[in-house]
Amino acid sequence: MGDTNGVQIQIFATWIFYAVLNQLCIDVALAQPAVGIALNQPKERISTEMVFRSLYHFSQAVLRGDAHEAVPYLVERQKLFGLVKARRKRHR
C-alpha cells in the first residue's frame, strides 16, 4: 500500500508542477505593457522547456535580491533565455 501512495504522490506532484509551469508560460506569453515589455505572443510560440530552464536563473536573481516576480523577470530577459520560438520558414 505504501508503494502505491508514493507513486500517486509523485504523479500528483508532477501534474501540479506542469499546471504551474503551463500557467507561467501563458502569463509570459500574454504579458501586458505594464510589465515593461509586451510579448503578446500565442502560448504555442513560448518554449515550455526554456521557461523551465530559466527558473534556475530567476531563483538565483531572487537570492541576490535582483528580482521579486517571475513574469517581469522572464519577459525582460526573453531574448537571452530564448523563450519565444523562432518562426520556421515553410519548405516549398
C-alpha atoms as a PDB file:
ATOM      1  CA  MET A   1       0.000   0.000   0.000  1.00  0.00           C
ATOM      2  CA  GLY A   2       2.846   2.385   0.797  1.00  0.00           C
ATOM      3  CA  ASP A   3       4.337   1.976  -2.684  1.00  0.00           C
ATOM      4  CA  THR A   4       1.027   2.958  -4.283  1.00  0.00           C
ATOM      5  CA  ASN A   5       0.782   6.096  -2.165  1.00  0.00           C
ATOM      6  CA  GLY A   6       4.307   7.135  -3.101  1.00  0.00           C
ATOM      7  CA  VAL A   7       3.610   6.729  -6.801  1.00  0.00           C
ATOM      8  CA  GLN A   8       0.333   8.633  -6.516  1.00  0.00           C
ATOM      9  CA  ILE A   9       2.077  11.480  -4.706  1.00  0.00           C
ATOM     10  CA  GLN A  10       4.708  11.673  -7.457  1.00  0.00           C
ATOM     11  CA  ILE A  11       2.037  11.707 -10.158  1.00  0.00           C
ATOM     12  CA  PHE A  12       0.024  14.426  -8.418  1.00  0.00           C
ATOM     13  CA  ALA A  13       3.151  16.495  -7.775  1.00  0.00           C
ATOM     14  CA  THR A  14       4.100  16.217 -11.458  1.00  0.00           C
ATOM     15  CA  TRP A  15       0.610  17.295 -12.547  1.00  0.00           C
ATOM     16  CA  ILE A  16       0.676  20.263 -10.187  1.00  0.00           C
ATOM     17  CA  PHE A  17       4.134  21.318 -11.375  1.00  0.00           C
ATOM     18  CA  TYR A  18       3.070  21.022 -15.025  1.00  0.00           C
ATOM     19  CA  ALA A  19      -0.050  23.114 -14.358  1.00  0.00           C
ATOM     20  CA  VAL A  20       2.011  25.841 -12.672  1.00  0.00           C
ATOM     21  CA  LEU A  21       4.638  25.784 -15.448  1.00  0.00           C
ATOM     22  CA  ASN A  22       1.944  25.927 -18.131  1.00  0.00           C
ATOM     23  CA  GLN A  23       0.282  28.906 -16.409  1.00  0.00           C
ATOM     24  CA  LEU A  24       3.657  30.653 -16.169  1.00  0.00           C
ATOM     25  CA  CYS A  25       4.119  30.170 -19.938  1.00  0.00           C
ATOM     26  CA  ILE A  26       0.668  31.665 -20.533  1.00  0.00           C
ATOM     27  CA  ASP A  27       1.463  34.625 -18.262  1.00  0.00           C
ATOM     28  CA  VAL A  28       4.737  35.236 -20.100  1.00  0.00           C
ATOM     29  CA  ALA A  29       3.029  34.983 -23.488  1.00  0.00           C
ATOM     30  CA  LEU A  30       0.296  37.438 -22.561  1.00  0.00           C
ATOM     31  CA  ALA A  31       2.495  39.843 -20.601  1.00  0.00           C
ATOM     32  CA  GLN A  32       0.980  43.300 -20.721  1.00  0.00           C
ATOM     33  CA  PRO A  33       2.848  46.556 -21.383  1.00  0.00           C
ATOM     34  CA  ALA A  34       2.558  47.351 -17.661  1.00  0.00           C
ATOM     35  CA  VAL A  35       5.304  44.773 -17.154  1.00  0.00           C
ATOM     36  CA  GLY A  36       7.529  46.912 -19.345  1.00  0.00           C
ATOM     37  CA  ILE A  37       7.663  44.784 -22.462  1.00  0.00           C
ATOM     38  CA  ALA A  38       4.626  43.309 -24.179  1.00  0.00           C
ATOM     39  CA  LEU A  39       5.209  39.939 -25.780  1.00  0.00           C
ATOM     40  CA  ASN A  40       1.598  39.388 -26.861  1.00  0.00           C
ATOM     41  CA  GLN A  41       2.504  36.037 -28.394  1.00  0.00           C
ATOM     42  CA  PRO A  42       0.302  32.966 -28.654  1.00  0.00           C
ATOM     43  CA  LYS A  43       1.141  30.406 -25.975  1.00  0.00           C
ATOM     44  CA  GLU A  44       2.313  27.995 -28.672  1.00  0.00           C
ATOM     45  CA  ARG A  45       5.210  30.348 -29.503  1.00  0.00           C
ATOM     46  CA  ILE A  46       6.566  30.174 -25.925  1.00  0.00           C
ATOM     47  CA  SER A  47       9.057  27.380 -25.254  1.00  0.00           C
ATOM     48  CA  THR A  48       7.977  25.493 -22.134  1.00  0.00           C
ATOM     49  CA  GLU A  49      11.426  23.927 -21.859  1.00  0.00           C
ATOM     50  CA  MET A  50      13.190  27.286 -21.912  1.00  0.00           C
ATOM     51  CA  VAL A  51      10.787  28.761 -19.354  1.00  0.00           C
ATOM     52  CA  PHE A  52      11.567  25.762 -17.137  1.00  0.00           C
ATOM     53  CA  ARG A  53      15.320  26.214 -17.623  1.00  0.00           C
ATOM     54  CA  SER A  54      15.120  29.943 -16.914  1.00  0.00           C
ATOM     55  CA  LEU A  55      13.549  29.302 -13.495  1.00  0.00           C
ATOM     56  CA  TYR A  56      17.019  28.482 -12.168  1.00  0.00           C
ATOM     57  CA  HIS A  57      18.279  31.917 -13.226  1.00  0.00           C
ATOM     58  CA  PHE A  58      15.213  33.543 -11.675  1.00  0.00           C
ATOM     59  CA  SER A  59      15.825  31.734  -8.381  1.00  0.00           C
ATOM     60  CA  GLN A  60      19.428  32.951  -8.349  1.00  0.00           C
ATOM     61  CA  ALA A  61      18.267  36.519  -9.049  1.00  0.00           C
ATOM     62  CA  VAL A  62      15.841  36.254  -6.122  1.00  0.00           C
ATOM     63  CA  LEU A  63      18.655  35.105  -3.834  1.00  0.00           C
ATOM     64  CA  ARG A  64      20.779  38.079  -4.955  1.00  0.00           C
ATOM     65  CA  GLY A  65      17.833  40.421  -4.431  1.00  0.00           C
ATOM     66  CA  ASP A  66      17.687  41.408  -8.112  1.00  0.00           C
ATOM     67  CA  ALA A  67      14.194  40.041  -8.796  1.00  0.00           C
ATOM     68  CA  HIS A  68      10.929  39.593  -6.943  1.00  0.00           C
ATOM     69  CA  GLU A  69       8.410  38.419  -9.570  1.00  0.00           C
ATOM     70  CA  ALA A  70       8.920  35.719 -12.176  1.00  0.00           C
ATOM     71  CA  VAL A  71       6.892  37.084 -15.105  1.00  0.00           C
ATOM     72  CA  PRO A  72       8.535  40.538 -15.352  1.00  0.00           C
ATOM     73  CA  TYR A  73      11.977  38.955 -14.903  1.00  0.00           C
ATOM     74  CA  LEU A  74      11.384  36.409 -17.658  1.00  0.00           C
ATOM     75  CA  VAL A  75       9.764  38.882 -20.057  1.00  0.00           C
ATOM     76  CA  GLU A  76      12.610  41.380 -19.710  1.00  0.00           C
ATOM     77  CA  ARG A  77      15.142  38.644 -20.500  1.00  0.00           C
ATOM     78  CA  GLN A  78      13.096  36.659 -23.019  1.00  0.00           C
ATOM     79  CA  LYS A  79      15.685  37.009 -25.798  1.00  0.00           C
ATOM     80  CA  LEU A  80      18.544  35.982 -23.507  1.00  0.00           C
ATOM     81  CA  PHE A  81      16.652  32.874 -22.380  1.00  0.00           C
ATOM     82  CA  GLY A  82      15.203  32.091 -25.820  1.00  0.00           C
ATOM     83  CA  LEU A  83      11.631  31.945 -24.553  1.00  0.00           C
ATOM     84  CA  VAL A  84       9.953  32.776 -27.878  1.00  0.00           C
ATOM     85  CA  LYS A  85      10.322  30.057 -30.502  1.00  0.00           C
ATOM     86  CA  ALA A  86      11.749  31.147 -33.848  1.00  0.00           C
ATOM     87  CA  ARG A  87       9.368  31.115 -36.784  1.00  0.00           C
ATOM     88  CA  ARG A  88      10.280  28.454 -39.280  1.00  0.00           C
ATOM     89  CA  LYS A  89      10.258  29.139 -42.965  1.00  0.00           C
ATOM     90  CA  ARG A  90       7.904  26.944 -44.919  1.00  0.00           C
ATOM     91  CA  HIS A  91       9.562  24.451 -47.190  1.00  0.00           C
ATOM     92  CA  ARG A  92       8.401  24.784 -50.750  1.00  0.00           C
END
